[in-house]
Amino acid sequence: MSDTKIKSSNIAGLAVTHDKLHTTMDLTGKTVTVATPSAATHPATKAYVDGEVAGLIDSAPGTLNTLNELAAAVNDDANFNATIATSIATKLPLAGGTMTGAIDMGANNITTTGKVLFGNVYATEGDLPSGSTYHGMFAHVHATGKGYYSHAGAW
C-alpha cells in the first residue's frame, strides 16, 4: 500500500506554495448534479426545485399559491374542516326540513309552479294575531272550527 498521507516529502517536487493553496477556486461546471434527488445529501438544481414547487402549487391562482394565502383564505382556522362541517350541518336540506325561525322575505315574492301549503292554526279567536299586521292572512281556529281571513285590520 502506498503512502497516501500528505507530508512535505510527498509534495516537495510539486512546487506547492502558500499562494497555490490559498486561492479562489473556479468550480464552474464542476458541481455534482442528480437528476432526481432522493437522498438527504443529494444536491438539487434550481430547475429541479422550480419543477417541484410548480408541481406542488399546480395551477393555483397567484393569490392562493402559498401556505400563508391558503391559511388566510380559511381565516387561519386550524379546525376549518370541523367549522365548515358544522356550518353546513345547520343548513336546511334541499329535500326539505323544518324551519325553527321566521323567514323574512322582505319585498321578495315567493314563486312556485306547485302548491304552497301552510297551516295557521289557533286554539281560540283570542289567539289570532293582529289583523292589521297580517292583512290577507288565512287562519283556522279549533274552538270554532271555522276559517278566518284578515282584511282591513280585522278578522
C-alpha atoms as a PDB file:
ATOM      1  CA  MET A   1       0.000   0.000   0.000  1.00  0.00           C
ATOM      2  CA  SER A   2       1.417   3.320  -0.945  1.00  0.00           C
ATOM      3  CA  ASP A   3       1.948   6.121   1.476  1.00  0.00           C
ATOM      4  CA  THR A   4      -1.050   8.474   0.959  1.00  0.00           C
ATOM      5  CA  LYS A   5      -0.515  10.788   3.901  1.00  0.00           C
ATOM      6  CA  ILE A   6       0.257  14.350   2.970  1.00  0.00           C
ATOM      7  CA  LYS A   7       3.800  15.041   4.081  1.00  0.00           C
ATOM      8  CA  SER A   8       6.269  17.590   2.877  1.00  0.00           C
ATOM      9  CA  SER A   9       8.347  14.775   1.410  1.00  0.00           C
ATOM     10  CA  ASN A  10       5.367  13.705  -0.769  1.00  0.00           C
ATOM     11  CA  ILE A  11       4.715  17.186  -2.193  1.00  0.00           C
ATOM     12  CA  ALA A  12       8.200  18.649  -2.271  1.00  0.00           C
ATOM     13  CA  GLY A  13       8.554  18.202  -6.014  1.00  0.00           C
ATOM     14  CA  LEU A  14       5.115  19.665  -6.812  1.00  0.00           C
ATOM     15  CA  ALA A  15       6.107  23.224  -6.061  1.00  0.00           C
ATOM     16  CA  VAL A  16       3.128  23.682  -3.740  1.00  0.00           C
ATOM     17  CA  THR A  17       3.185  27.185  -2.352  1.00  0.00           C
ATOM     18  CA  HIS A  18       1.085  29.204   0.013  1.00  0.00           C
ATOM     19  CA  ASP A  19      -0.407  31.165  -2.910  1.00  0.00           C
ATOM     20  CA  LYS A  20      -1.467  27.973  -4.697  1.00  0.00           C
ATOM     21  CA  LEU A  21      -3.162  26.626  -1.583  1.00  0.00           C
ATOM     22  CA  HIS A  22      -4.974  29.882  -0.757  1.00  0.00           C
ATOM     23  CA  THR A  23      -6.606  30.875  -3.992  1.00  0.00           C
ATOM     24  CA  THR A  24     -10.124  31.225  -5.324  1.00  0.00           C
ATOM     25  CA  MET A  25     -11.219  28.036  -6.922  1.00  0.00           C
ATOM     26  CA  ASP A  26     -13.365  28.172 -10.035  1.00  0.00           C
ATOM     27  CA  LEU A  27     -15.946  25.375  -9.711  1.00  0.00           C
ATOM     28  CA  THR A  28     -17.975  26.405 -12.735  1.00  0.00           C
ATOM     29  CA  GLY A  29     -19.215  23.242 -14.390  1.00  0.00           C
ATOM     30  CA  LYS A  30     -17.741  21.141 -11.589  1.00  0.00           C
ATOM     31  CA  THR A  31     -20.863  20.739  -9.475  1.00  0.00           C
ATOM     32  CA  VAL A  32     -22.409  17.354  -8.987  1.00  0.00           C
ATOM     33  CA  THR A  33     -25.984  17.096 -10.192  1.00  0.00           C
ATOM     34  CA  VAL A  34     -28.518  14.385  -9.580  1.00  0.00           C
ATOM     35  CA  ALA A  35     -31.464  14.285 -11.996  1.00  0.00           C
ATOM     36  CA  THR A  36     -33.937  13.204  -9.327  1.00  0.00           C
ATOM     37  CA  PRO A  37     -32.519  13.757  -5.838  1.00  0.00           C
ATOM     38  CA  SER A  38     -33.728  11.096  -3.424  1.00  0.00           C
ATOM     39  CA  ALA A  39     -31.264  11.116  -0.528  1.00  0.00           C
ATOM     40  CA  ALA A  40     -30.942  13.855   2.075  1.00  0.00           C
ATOM     41  CA  THR A  41     -27.411  14.618   0.893  1.00  0.00           C
ATOM     42  CA  HIS A  42     -28.168  14.785  -2.843  1.00  0.00           C
ATOM     43  CA  PRO A  43     -27.811  18.269  -4.317  1.00  0.00           C
ATOM     44  CA  ALA A  44     -30.762  19.746  -6.216  1.00  0.00           C
ATOM     45  CA  THR A  45     -30.556  22.095  -9.168  1.00  0.00           C
ATOM     46  CA  LYS A  46     -32.669  25.233  -9.488  1.00  0.00           C
ATOM     47  CA  ALA A  47     -34.546  23.618 -12.361  1.00  0.00           C
ATOM     48  CA  TYR A  48     -35.402  20.600 -10.193  1.00  0.00           C
ATOM     49  CA  VAL A  49     -36.572  22.764  -7.269  1.00  0.00           C
ATOM     50  CA  ASP A  50     -38.600  25.021  -9.596  1.00  0.00           C
ATOM     51  CA  GLY A  51     -40.250  21.949 -11.086  1.00  0.00           C
ATOM     52  CA  GLU A  52     -41.139  20.529  -7.679  1.00  0.00           C
ATOM     53  CA  VAL A  53     -42.612  23.852  -6.485  1.00  0.00           C
ATOM     54  CA  ALA A  54     -44.618  24.182  -9.721  1.00  0.00           C
ATOM     55  CA  GLY A  55     -45.947  20.663  -9.194  1.00  0.00           C
ATOM     56  CA  LEU A  56     -46.878  21.491  -5.602  1.00  0.00           C
ATOM     57  CA  ILE A  57     -48.902  24.585  -6.457  1.00  0.00           C
ATOM     58  CA  ASP A  58     -50.163  23.014  -9.692  1.00  0.00           C
ATOM     59  CA  SER A  59     -52.373  25.607 -11.365  1.00  0.00           C
ATOM     60  CA  ALA A  60     -53.318  27.511  -8.228  1.00  0.00           C
ATOM     61  CA  PRO A  61     -54.159  31.165  -8.827  1.00  0.00           C
ATOM     62  CA  GLY A  62     -51.489  33.621  -7.747  1.00  0.00           C
ATOM     63  CA  THR A  63     -53.499  34.618  -4.666  1.00  0.00           C
ATOM     64  CA  LEU A  64     -53.709  31.029  -3.355  1.00  0.00           C
ATOM     65  CA  ASN A  65     -50.327  29.543  -4.151  1.00  0.00           C
ATOM     66  CA  THR A  66     -48.635  29.874  -0.763  1.00  0.00           C
ATOM     67  CA  LEU A  67     -49.443  28.231   2.546  1.00  0.00           C
ATOM     68  CA  ASN A  68     -49.998  31.658   4.119  1.00  0.00           C
ATOM     69  CA  GLU A  69     -52.523  32.619   1.433  1.00  0.00           C
ATOM     70  CA  LEU A  70     -54.353  29.309   1.882  1.00  0.00           C
ATOM     71  CA  ALA A  71     -54.428  29.804   5.659  1.00  0.00           C
ATOM     72  CA  ALA A  72     -55.772  33.337   5.251  1.00  0.00           C
ATOM     73  CA  ALA A  73     -58.472  32.036   2.884  1.00  0.00           C
ATOM     74  CA  VAL A  74     -59.819  29.810   5.681  1.00  0.00           C
ATOM     75  CA  ASN A  75     -59.423  32.560   8.331  1.00  0.00           C
ATOM     76  CA  ASP A  76     -56.366  30.862   9.858  1.00  0.00           C
ATOM     77  CA  ASP A  77     -58.754  28.268  11.300  1.00  0.00           C
ATOM     78  CA  ALA A  78     -56.769  25.171  12.277  1.00  0.00           C
ATOM     79  CA  ASN A  79     -60.097  23.292  12.592  1.00  0.00           C
ATOM     80  CA  PHE A  80     -61.543  24.538   9.302  1.00  0.00           C
ATOM     81  CA  ASN A  81     -62.870  21.105   8.364  1.00  0.00           C
ATOM     82  CA  ALA A  82     -64.888  20.889  11.602  1.00  0.00           C
ATOM     83  CA  THR A  83     -66.001  24.519  11.328  1.00  0.00           C
ATOM     84  CA  ILE A  84     -67.310  24.123   7.788  1.00  0.00           C
ATOM     85  CA  ALA A  85     -68.918  20.747   8.536  1.00  0.00           C
ATOM     86  CA  THR A  86     -70.769  22.303  11.485  1.00  0.00           C
ATOM     87  CA  SER A  87     -71.859  25.252   9.353  1.00  0.00           C
ATOM     88  CA  ILE A  88     -73.151  23.011   6.562  1.00  0.00           C
ATOM     89  CA  ALA A  89     -74.999  20.838   9.086  1.00  0.00           C
ATOM     90  CA  THR A  90     -77.088  23.857  10.151  1.00  0.00           C
ATOM     91  CA  LYS A  91     -78.434  24.429   6.626  1.00  0.00           C
ATOM     92  CA  LEU A  92     -81.862  23.249   5.532  1.00  0.00           C
ATOM     93  CA  PRO A  93     -81.500  20.239   3.212  1.00  0.00           C
ATOM     94  CA  LEU A  94     -82.697  20.668  -0.366  1.00  0.00           C
ATOM     95  CA  ALA A  95     -85.005  17.728   0.253  1.00  0.00           C
ATOM     96  CA  GLY A  96     -86.855  19.797   2.867  1.00  0.00           C
ATOM     97  CA  GLY A  97     -86.990  20.067   6.614  1.00  0.00           C
ATOM     98  CA  THR A  98     -88.434  22.099   9.461  1.00  0.00           C
ATOM     99  CA  MET A  99     -87.655  25.772   9.902  1.00  0.00           C
ATOM    100  CA  THR A 100     -87.398  26.832  13.521  1.00  0.00           C
ATOM    101  CA  GLY A 101     -87.497  30.600  12.968  1.00  0.00           C
ATOM    102  CA  ALA A 102     -89.281  33.206  10.897  1.00  0.00           C
ATOM    103  CA  ILE A 103     -88.295  33.725   7.279  1.00  0.00           C
ATOM    104  CA  ASP A 104     -88.101  37.387   6.322  1.00  0.00           C
ATOM    105  CA  MET A 105     -88.633  37.620   2.565  1.00  0.00           C
ATOM    106  CA  GLY A 106     -88.520  41.416   2.614  1.00  0.00           C
ATOM    107  CA  ALA A 107     -90.117  42.727  -0.583  1.00  0.00           C
ATOM    108  CA  ASN A 108     -89.411  39.486  -2.457  1.00  0.00           C
ATOM    109  CA  ASN A 109     -92.186  37.261  -3.780  1.00  0.00           C
ATOM    110  CA  ILE A 110     -92.436  33.539  -3.214  1.00  0.00           C
ATOM    111  CA  THR A 111     -92.929  31.861  -6.577  1.00  0.00           C
ATOM    112  CA  THR A 112     -93.686  28.259  -7.355  1.00  0.00           C
ATOM    113  CA  THR A 113     -95.073  26.038 -10.067  1.00  0.00           C
ATOM    114  CA  GLY A 114     -96.528  23.773  -7.392  1.00  0.00           C
ATOM    115  CA  LYS A 115     -98.728  24.313  -4.355  1.00  0.00           C
ATOM    116  CA  VAL A 116     -97.929  26.462  -1.345  1.00  0.00           C
ATOM    117  CA  LEU A 117     -99.084  24.578   1.720  1.00  0.00           C
ATOM    118  CA  PHE A 118     -99.301  26.269   5.101  1.00  0.00           C
ATOM    119  CA  GLY A 119    -101.177  25.922   8.321  1.00  0.00           C
ATOM    120  CA  ASN A 120    -102.073  28.881  10.520  1.00  0.00           C
ATOM    121  CA  VAL A 121    -103.935  27.087  13.288  1.00  0.00           C
ATOM    122  CA  TYR A 122    -105.002  28.772  16.536  1.00  0.00           C
ATOM    123  CA  ALA A 123    -106.838  27.377  19.579  1.00  0.00           C
ATOM    124  CA  THR A 124    -109.224  30.300  20.103  1.00  0.00           C
ATOM    125  CA  GLU A 125    -110.189  33.534  18.345  1.00  0.00           C
ATOM    126  CA  GLY A 126    -108.247  35.410  21.029  1.00  0.00           C
ATOM    127  CA  ASP A 127    -105.067  33.684  19.841  1.00  0.00           C
ATOM    128  CA  LEU A 128    -105.322  35.194  16.342  1.00  0.00           C
ATOM    129  CA  PRO A 129    -102.576  37.745  15.631  1.00  0.00           C
ATOM    130  CA  SER A 130    -103.317  41.364  14.783  1.00  0.00           C
ATOM    131  CA  GLY A 131    -105.468  41.559  11.666  1.00  0.00           C
ATOM    132  CA  SER A 132    -103.770  44.802  10.581  1.00  0.00           C
ATOM    133  CA  THR A 133    -100.281  43.295  10.888  1.00  0.00           C
ATOM    134  CA  TYR A 134    -101.268  40.138   9.000  1.00  0.00           C
ATOM    135  CA  HIS A 135    -103.513  41.639   6.317  1.00  0.00           C
ATOM    136  CA  GLY A 136    -104.564  38.948   3.816  1.00  0.00           C
ATOM    137  CA  MET A 137    -103.796  36.034   6.158  1.00  0.00           C
ATOM    138  CA  PHE A 138    -105.915  32.899   6.394  1.00  0.00           C
ATOM    139  CA  ALA A 139    -106.230  31.118   9.735  1.00  0.00           C
ATOM    140  CA  HIS A 140    -108.155  28.254  11.308  1.00  0.00           C
ATOM    141  CA  VAL A 141    -109.471  28.392  14.883  1.00  0.00           C
ATOM    142  CA  HIS A 142    -110.005  24.999  16.516  1.00  0.00           C
ATOM    143  CA  ALA A 143    -112.519  26.231  19.087  1.00  0.00           C
ATOM    144  CA  THR A 144    -114.929  27.447  16.419  1.00  0.00           C
ATOM    145  CA  GLY A 145    -113.974  25.030  13.632  1.00  0.00           C
ATOM    146  CA  LYS A 146    -114.012  27.989  11.229  1.00  0.00           C
ATOM    147  CA  GLY A 147    -111.595  29.572   8.807  1.00  0.00           C
ATOM    148  CA  TYR A 148    -110.797  33.279   9.135  1.00  0.00           C
ATOM    149  CA  TYR A 149    -109.456  35.866   6.706  1.00  0.00           C
ATOM    150  CA  SER A 150    -107.762  39.070   7.793  1.00  0.00           C
ATOM    151  CA  HIS A 151    -108.772  42.186   5.859  1.00  0.00           C
ATOM    152  CA  ALA A 152    -108.707  45.897   6.646  1.00  0.00           C
ATOM    153  CA  GLY A 153    -107.343  45.282  10.137  1.00  0.00           C
ATOM    154  CA  ALA A 154    -109.985  42.799  11.224  1.00  0.00           C
ATOM    155  CA  TRP A 155    -110.758  39.083  11.029  1.00  0.00           C
END
